Amino acid sequence: MAYRGADGMTSEVIARSLGTNPVLVRRLLKDLERGQLVRMRPGKDGGVQLARAPEHITLDLVIRATENKGGVFALRQGGNPNCPVNQNMARLLNPILIATDQAVADTLARTTIADLTAQIPQRGAQ
């Protein structure tokens, strides 16, 4: 959407570009709308456009709007409850996983949609 400009586009165009189903794209767009990152226009002439300038949309905002909470890394439940290694994994790994998730979030927070869009060659400039 940032590449295409202020007019926005439709979920069908986005889906075609991604090679996926428009229904999946609409679900993600609804999440982005709830996160106040896009505005959806319903109807025959509908579409979607960014709700903020691309300079004000960081990748961490996109991830928070579209992904399940709980971080990038998580421990799986289960395992042998009698195993001393299994019994200690959560205690040992949780601080590491929390720090890793924070490092990922910090990196994403420093990258905006405008940063990424600026790196895409403009049409005809290739």
N, C-alpha and C. Protein backbone atom coordinates (compact mmCIF):
# COMPACT_ATOMS: atom_id res chain seq x y z
N MET A 1 0.83 -1.19 0.00
CA MET A 1 0.00 0.00 0.00
C MET A 1 0.87 1.26 0.00
N ALA A 2 1.95 1.25 0.78
CA ALA A 2 2.84 2.41 0.81
C ALA A 2 3.48 2.62 -0.55
N TYR A 3 3.81 1.56 -1.23
CA TYR A 3 4.44 1.65 -2.56
C TYR A 3 3.47 2.24 -3.58
N ARG A 4 2.22 1.84 -3.47
CA ARG A 4 1.20 2.31 -4.43
C ARG A 4 0.76 3.74 -4.18
N GLY A 5 0.91 4.23 -2.96
CA GLY A 5 0.56 5.62 -2.67
C GLY A 5 -0.76 5.79 -1.95
N ALA A 6 -1.21 7.02 -1.89
CA ALA A 6 -2.35 7.43 -1.06
C ALA A 6 -3.68 6.81 -1.48
N ASP A 7 -3.83 6.42 -2.75
CA ASP A 7 -5.11 5.87 -3.20
C ASP A 7 -5.40 4.49 -2.62
N GLY A 8 -4.39 3.81 -2.15
CA GLY A 8 -4.60 2.48 -1.59
C GLY A 8 -4.83 1.45 -2.67
N MET A 9 -5.43 0.33 -2.26
CA MET A 9 -5.68 -0.77 -3.19
C MET A 9 -6.75 -1.68 -2.61
N THR A 10 -7.04 -2.75 -3.30
CA THR A 10 -8.07 -3.70 -2.84
C THR A 10 -7.41 -4.95 -2.30
N SER A 11 -8.17 -5.69 -1.51
CA SER A 11 -7.67 -6.96 -0.97
C SER A 11 -7.39 -7.94 -2.10
N GLU A 12 -8.15 -7.85 -3.19
CA GLU A 12 -7.92 -8.75 -4.33
C GLU A 12 -6.57 -8.48 -4.97
N VAL A 13 -6.21 -7.21 -5.11
CA VAL A 13 -4.90 -6.86 -5.69
C VAL A 13 -3.78 -7.33 -4.77
N ILE A 14 -3.95 -7.12 -3.47
CA ILE A 14 -2.94 -7.57 -2.51
C ILE A 14 -2.80 -9.08 -2.56
N ALA A 15 -3.93 -9.78 -2.57
CA ALA A 15 -3.91 -11.25 -2.61
C ALA A 15 -3.22 -11.76 -3.87
N ARG A 16 -3.50 -11.13 -4.99
CA ARG A 16 -2.87 -11.53 -6.25
C ARG A 16 -1.35 -11.32 -6.18
N SER A 17 -0.95 -10.21 -5.60
CA SER A 17 0.47 -9.91 -5.46
C SER A 17 1.16 -10.92 -4.54
N LEU A 18 0.46 -11.34 -3.49
CA LEU A 18 1.03 -12.30 -2.54
C LEU A 18 0.84 -13.75 -2.97
N GLY A 19 -0.01 -13.96 -3.98
CA GLY A 19 -0.30 -15.33 -4.41
C GLY A 19 -1.09 -16.10 -3.37
N THR A 20 -2.05 -15.43 -2.74
CA THR A 20 -2.85 -16.07 -1.70
C THR A 20 -4.33 -15.72 -1.88
N ASN A 21 -5.13 -16.22 -0.99
CA ASN A 21 -6.58 -16.05 -1.03
C ASN A 21 -6.98 -14.67 -0.51
N PRO A 22 -7.88 -13.96 -1.20
CA PRO A 22 -8.34 -12.65 -0.72
C PRO A 22 -8.99 -12.71 0.66
N VAL A 23 -9.60 -13.83 1.02
CA VAL A 23 -10.22 -13.96 2.34
C VAL A 23 -9.16 -13.86 3.43
N LEU A 24 -8.02 -14.52 3.22
CA LEU A 24 -6.92 -14.45 4.18
C LEU A 24 -6.41 -13.01 4.29
N VAL A 25 -6.27 -12.34 3.16
CA VAL A 25 -5.80 -10.96 3.15
C VAL A 25 -6.79 -10.07 3.90
N ARG A 26 -8.10 -10.27 3.67
CA ARG A 26 -9.10 -9.45 4.36
C ARG A 26 -9.03 -9.65 5.87
N ARG A 27 -8.78 -10.88 6.32
CA ARG A 27 -8.64 -11.13 7.77
C ARG A 27 -7.46 -10.35 8.33
N LEU A 28 -6.32 -10.39 7.64
CA LEU A 28 -5.15 -9.64 8.09
C LEU A 28 -5.41 -8.13 8.06
N LEU A 29 -6.11 -7.68 7.03
CA LEU A 29 -6.43 -6.26 6.94
C LEU A 29 -7.34 -5.83 8.08
N LYS A 30 -8.26 -6.68 8.49
CA LYS A 30 -9.14 -6.38 9.63
C LYS A 30 -8.30 -6.22 10.90
N ASP A 31 -7.31 -7.11 11.07
CA ASP A 31 -6.40 -6.99 12.22
C ASP A 31 -5.65 -5.67 12.17
N LEU A 32 -5.16 -5.31 10.99
CA LEU A 32 -4.44 -4.05 10.83
C LEU A 32 -5.36 -2.84 11.06
N GLU A 33 -6.62 -2.99 10.68
CA GLU A 33 -7.59 -1.92 10.93
C GLU A 33 -7.83 -1.76 12.44
N ARG A 34 -7.99 -2.89 13.14
CA ARG A 34 -8.16 -2.82 14.59
C ARG A 34 -6.93 -2.19 15.26
N GLY A 35 -5.77 -2.41 14.67
CA GLY A 35 -4.54 -1.80 15.17
C GLY A 35 -4.35 -0.37 14.70
N GLN A 36 -5.34 0.17 14.00
CA GLN A 36 -5.36 1.55 13.49
C GLN A 36 -4.20 1.83 12.54
N LEU A 37 -3.83 0.81 11.76
CA LEU A 37 -2.76 0.97 10.79
C LEU A 37 -3.28 1.14 9.36
N VAL A 38 -4.51 0.66 9.10
CA VAL A 38 -5.13 0.84 7.79
C VAL A 38 -6.58 1.28 7.98
N ARG A 39 -7.14 1.84 6.90
CA ARG A 39 -8.57 2.18 6.85
C ARG A 39 -9.17 1.38 5.70
N MET A 40 -10.30 0.76 5.99
CA MET A 40 -10.99 -0.03 4.97
C MET A 40 -12.20 0.76 4.49
N ARG A 41 -12.41 0.75 3.16
CA ARG A 41 -13.58 1.38 2.55
C ARG A 41 -14.42 0.26 1.96
N PRO A 42 -15.59 0.01 2.54
CA PRO A 42 -16.43 -1.06 2.02
C PRO A 42 -17.14 -0.65 0.73
N GLY A 43 -17.70 -1.64 0.06
CA GLY A 43 -18.53 -1.36 -1.11
C GLY A 43 -17.83 -1.59 -2.42
N LYS A 44 -18.57 -1.29 -3.48
CA LYS A 44 -18.12 -1.54 -4.85
C LYS A 44 -16.80 -0.82 -5.15
N ASP A 45 -16.67 0.41 -4.68
CA ASP A 45 -15.46 1.18 -4.91
C ASP A 45 -14.55 1.16 -3.69
N GLY A 46 -14.69 0.12 -2.88
CA GLY A 46 -13.94 0.02 -1.64
C GLY A 46 -12.49 -0.31 -1.86
N GLY A 47 -11.80 -0.40 -0.79
CA GLY A 47 -10.39 -0.73 -0.81
C GLY A 47 -9.79 -0.50 0.55
N VAL A 48 -8.50 -0.45 0.58
CA VAL A 48 -7.80 -0.25 1.85
C VAL A 48 -6.64 0.70 1.61
N GLN A 49 -6.38 1.55 2.60
CA GLN A 49 -5.25 2.46 2.52
C GLN A 49 -4.63 2.58 3.91
N LEU A 50 -3.41 3.03 3.95
CA LEU A 50 -2.74 3.22 5.23
C LEU A 50 -3.45 4.30 6.02
N ALA A 51 -3.57 4.09 7.32
CA ALA A 51 -4.21 5.06 8.20
C ALA A 51 -3.20 6.07 8.75
N ARG A 52 -1.93 5.77 8.56
CA ARG A 52 -0.85 6.65 9.02
C ARG A 52 0.18 6.77 7.91
N ALA A 53 1.01 7.75 8.02
CA ALA A 53 2.12 7.88 7.07
C ALA A 53 3.04 6.67 7.26
N PRO A 54 3.61 6.16 6.18
CA PRO A 54 4.50 4.99 6.29
C PRO A 54 5.67 5.20 7.26
N GLU A 55 6.07 6.45 7.46
CA GLU A 55 7.15 6.76 8.40
C GLU A 55 6.73 6.51 9.85
N HIS A 56 5.42 6.41 10.08
CA HIS A 56 4.91 6.24 11.44
C HIS A 56 4.36 4.83 11.68
N ILE A 57 4.63 3.93 10.77
CA ILE A 57 4.22 2.53 10.96
C ILE A 57 5.48 1.69 11.04
N THR A 58 5.77 1.21 12.23
CA THR A 58 6.93 0.36 12.43
C THR A 58 6.52 -1.11 12.33
N LEU A 59 7.50 -1.95 12.05
CA LEU A 59 7.18 -3.37 11.89
C LEU A 59 6.68 -4.00 13.19
N ASP A 60 7.10 -3.49 14.33
CA ASP A 60 6.57 -4.05 15.57
C ASP A 60 5.08 -3.76 15.72
N LEU A 61 4.61 -2.60 15.22
CA LEU A 61 3.17 -2.32 15.25
C LEU A 61 2.41 -3.29 14.36
N VAL A 62 2.98 -3.61 13.20
CA VAL A 62 2.34 -4.56 12.28
C VAL A 62 2.27 -5.94 12.93
N ILE A 63 3.37 -6.38 13.52
CA ILE A 63 3.40 -7.70 14.17
C ILE A 63 2.41 -7.76 15.32
N ARG A 64 2.39 -6.72 16.14
CA ARG A 64 1.45 -6.71 17.28
C ARG A 64 0.00 -6.74 16.82
N ALA A 65 -0.29 -6.12 15.69
CA ALA A 65 -1.67 -6.09 15.18
C ALA A 65 -2.08 -7.42 14.56
N THR A 66 -1.13 -8.17 14.01
CA THR A 66 -1.50 -9.35 13.22
C THR A 66 -1.15 -10.69 13.83
N GLU A 67 -0.27 -10.72 14.80
CA GLU A 67 0.17 -12.00 15.35
C GLU A 67 -0.44 -12.25 16.72
N ASN A 68 -0.50 -13.53 17.07
CA ASN A 68 -0.94 -13.89 18.41
C ASN A 68 0.06 -13.36 19.42
N LYS A 69 -0.44 -13.01 20.57
CA LYS A 69 0.44 -12.52 21.62
C LYS A 69 1.26 -13.68 22.16
N GLY A 70 2.36 -13.35 22.78
CA GLY A 70 3.17 -14.40 23.38
C GLY A 70 4.60 -14.44 22.86
N GLY A 71 4.95 -13.57 21.98
CA GLY A 71 6.33 -13.51 21.52
C GLY A 71 6.61 -14.44 20.36
N VAL A 72 7.80 -14.25 19.81
CA VAL A 72 8.22 -15.05 18.67
C VAL A 72 8.60 -16.46 19.11
N PHE A 73 9.24 -16.55 20.25
CA PHE A 73 9.71 -17.83 20.75
C PHE A 73 8.89 -18.26 21.96
N ALA A 74 8.60 -19.54 22.04
CA ALA A 74 7.84 -20.06 23.18
C ALA A 74 8.21 -21.52 23.40
N LEU A 75 8.10 -21.93 24.64
CA LEU A 75 8.36 -23.33 24.98
C LEU A 75 7.11 -24.15 24.70
N ARG A 76 7.33 -25.33 24.17
CA ARG A 76 6.20 -26.25 23.98
C ARG A 76 5.89 -26.91 25.31
N GLN A 77 4.62 -27.14 25.52
CA GLN A 77 4.18 -27.82 26.73
C GLN A 77 4.38 -29.32 26.56
N GLY A 78 4.46 -30.02 27.64
CA GLY A 78 4.57 -31.47 27.57
C GLY A 78 5.94 -31.95 27.97
N GLY A 79 6.27 -33.09 27.47
CA GLY A 79 7.54 -33.70 27.84
C GLY A 79 7.35 -34.63 29.03
N ASN A 80 8.40 -35.27 29.37
CA ASN A 80 8.37 -36.23 30.48
C ASN A 80 8.49 -35.48 31.80
N PRO A 81 7.45 -35.50 32.64
CA PRO A 81 7.50 -34.77 33.91
C PRO A 81 8.53 -35.33 34.89
N ASN A 82 9.01 -36.57 34.65
CA ASN A 82 10.01 -37.17 35.54
C ASN A 82 11.44 -36.88 35.10
N CYS A 83 11.61 -36.24 33.97
CA CYS A 83 12.94 -35.95 33.43
C CYS A 83 13.48 -34.66 34.07
N PRO A 84 14.67 -34.72 34.69
CA PRO A 84 15.22 -33.52 35.31
C PRO A 84 15.51 -32.40 34.30
N VAL A 85 15.87 -32.74 33.09
CA VAL A 85 16.10 -31.72 32.07
C VAL A 85 14.77 -31.03 31.74
N ASN A 86 13.75 -31.82 31.46
CA ASN A 86 12.43 -31.26 31.15
C ASN A 86 11.90 -30.42 32.30
N GLN A 87 12.11 -30.86 33.53
CA GLN A 87 11.61 -30.13 34.69
C GLN A 87 12.23 -28.73 34.82
N ASN A 88 13.40 -28.55 34.26
CA ASN A 88 14.12 -27.27 34.43
C ASN A 88 14.13 -26.38 33.19
N MET A 89 13.61 -26.86 32.08
CA MET A 89 13.69 -26.10 30.83
C MET A 89 13.00 -24.74 30.92
N ALA A 90 11.81 -24.68 31.46
CA ALA A 90 11.09 -23.41 31.54
C ALA A 90 11.88 -22.40 32.37
N ARG A 91 12.36 -22.81 33.51
CA ARG A 91 13.12 -21.92 34.39
C ARG A 91 14.39 -21.43 33.71
N LEU A 92 15.05 -22.33 32.99
CA LEU A 92 16.32 -21.97 32.36
C LEU A 92 16.15 -21.18 31.06
N LEU A 93 15.16 -21.55 30.27
CA LEU A 93 15.01 -20.94 28.96
C LEU A 93 14.15 -19.69 28.94
N ASN A 94 13.19 -19.56 29.85
CA ASN A 94 12.29 -18.40 29.81
C ASN A 94 13.03 -17.06 29.81
N PRO A 95 14.03 -16.85 30.66
CA PRO A 95 14.74 -15.55 30.60
C PRO A 95 15.43 -15.33 29.24
N ILE A 96 15.95 -16.38 28.66
CA ILE A 96 16.61 -16.28 27.35
C ILE A 96 15.58 -15.95 26.27
N LEU A 97 14.45 -16.63 26.30
CA LEU A 97 13.42 -16.39 25.30
C LEU A 97 12.81 -15.00 25.44
N ILE A 98 12.64 -14.54 26.66
CA ILE A 98 12.12 -13.19 26.89
C ILE A 98 13.10 -12.16 26.33
N ALA A 99 14.40 -12.34 26.59
CA ALA A 99 15.40 -11.40 26.07
C ALA A 99 15.45 -11.44 24.54
N THR A 100 15.31 -12.62 23.97
CA THR A 100 15.31 -12.77 22.51
C THR A 100 14.10 -12.07 21.91
N ASP A 101 12.93 -12.27 22.49
CA ASP A 101 11.72 -11.59 22.02
C ASP A 101 11.89 -10.08 22.10
N GLN A 102 12.50 -9.59 23.17
CA GLN A 102 12.71 -8.15 23.32
C GLN A 102 13.67 -7.62 22.26
N ALA A 103 14.71 -8.38 21.95
CA ALA A 103 15.66 -7.96 20.91
C ALA A 103 14.97 -7.90 19.55
N VAL A 104 14.12 -8.88 19.26
CA VAL A 104 13.37 -8.87 18.00
C VAL A 104 12.44 -7.66 17.96
N ALA A 105 11.72 -7.41 19.04
CA ALA A 105 10.79 -6.28 19.10
C ALA A 105 11.54 -4.96 18.93
N ASP A 106 12.70 -4.83 19.56
CA ASP A 106 13.49 -3.60 19.44
C ASP A 106 13.93 -3.38 17.99
N THR A 107 14.36 -4.45 17.33
CA THR A 107 14.78 -4.34 15.93
C THR A 107 13.60 -3.95 15.04
N LEU A 108 12.45 -4.59 15.23
CA LEU A 108 11.27 -4.26 14.44
C LEU A 108 10.80 -2.83 14.69
N ALA A 109 10.97 -2.35 15.91
CA ALA A 109 10.53 -0.99 16.26
C ALA A 109 11.39 0.07 15.58
N ARG A 110 12.59 -0.30 15.15
CA ARG A 110 13.48 0.66 14.47
C ARG A 110 13.28 0.66 12.96
N THR A 111 12.41 -0.19 12.45
CA THR A 111 12.21 -0.30 11.00
C THR A 111 10.78 0.11 10.66
N THR A 112 10.66 1.07 9.74
CA THR A 112 9.33 1.54 9.34
C THR A 112 8.98 1.00 7.95
N ILE A 113 7.70 1.10 7.65
CA ILE A 113 7.24 0.74 6.31
C ILE A 113 7.93 1.65 5.28
N ALA A 114 8.13 2.91 5.62
CA ALA A 114 8.83 3.83 4.71
C ALA A 114 10.26 3.38 4.45
N ASP A 115 10.94 2.86 5.49
CA ASP A 115 12.31 2.35 5.31
C ASP A 115 12.33 1.24 4.26
N LEU A 116 11.38 0.34 4.36
CA LEU A 116 11.34 -0.79 3.43
C LEU A 116 10.94 -0.33 2.03
N THR A 117 9.93 0.53 1.95
CA THR A 117 9.45 1.01 0.65
C THR A 117 10.55 1.76 -0.10
N ALA A 118 11.37 2.49 0.63
CA ALA A 118 12.44 3.26 0.00
C ALA A 118 13.47 2.36 -0.68
N GLN A 119 13.53 1.10 -0.28
CA GLN A 119 14.50 0.17 -0.85
C GLN A 119 13.97 -0.59 -2.06
N ILE A 120 12.71 -0.35 -2.44
CA ILE A 120 12.12 -1.01 -3.60
C ILE A 120 12.33 -0.11 -4.81
N PRO A 121 12.93 -0.63 -5.87
CA PRO A 121 13.11 0.20 -7.07
C PRO A 121 11.76 0.69 -7.59
N GLN A 122 11.73 1.94 -8.00
CA GLN A 122 10.51 2.51 -8.58
C GLN A 122 10.27 1.89 -9.95
N ARG A 123 9.02 1.79 -10.33
CA ARG A 123 8.67 1.24 -11.64
C ARG A 123 9.39 2.01 -12.73
N GLY A 124 9.95 1.27 -13.67
CA GLY A 124 10.65 1.89 -14.80
C GLY A 124 12.09 2.26 -14.50
N ALA A 125 12.51 2.15 -13.21
CA ALA A 125 13.87 2.54 -12.84
C ALA A 125 14.78 1.31 -12.73
N GLN A 126 14.33 0.17 -13.20
CA GLN A 126 15.10 -1.06 -13.03
C GLN A 126 16.10 -1.26 -14.10
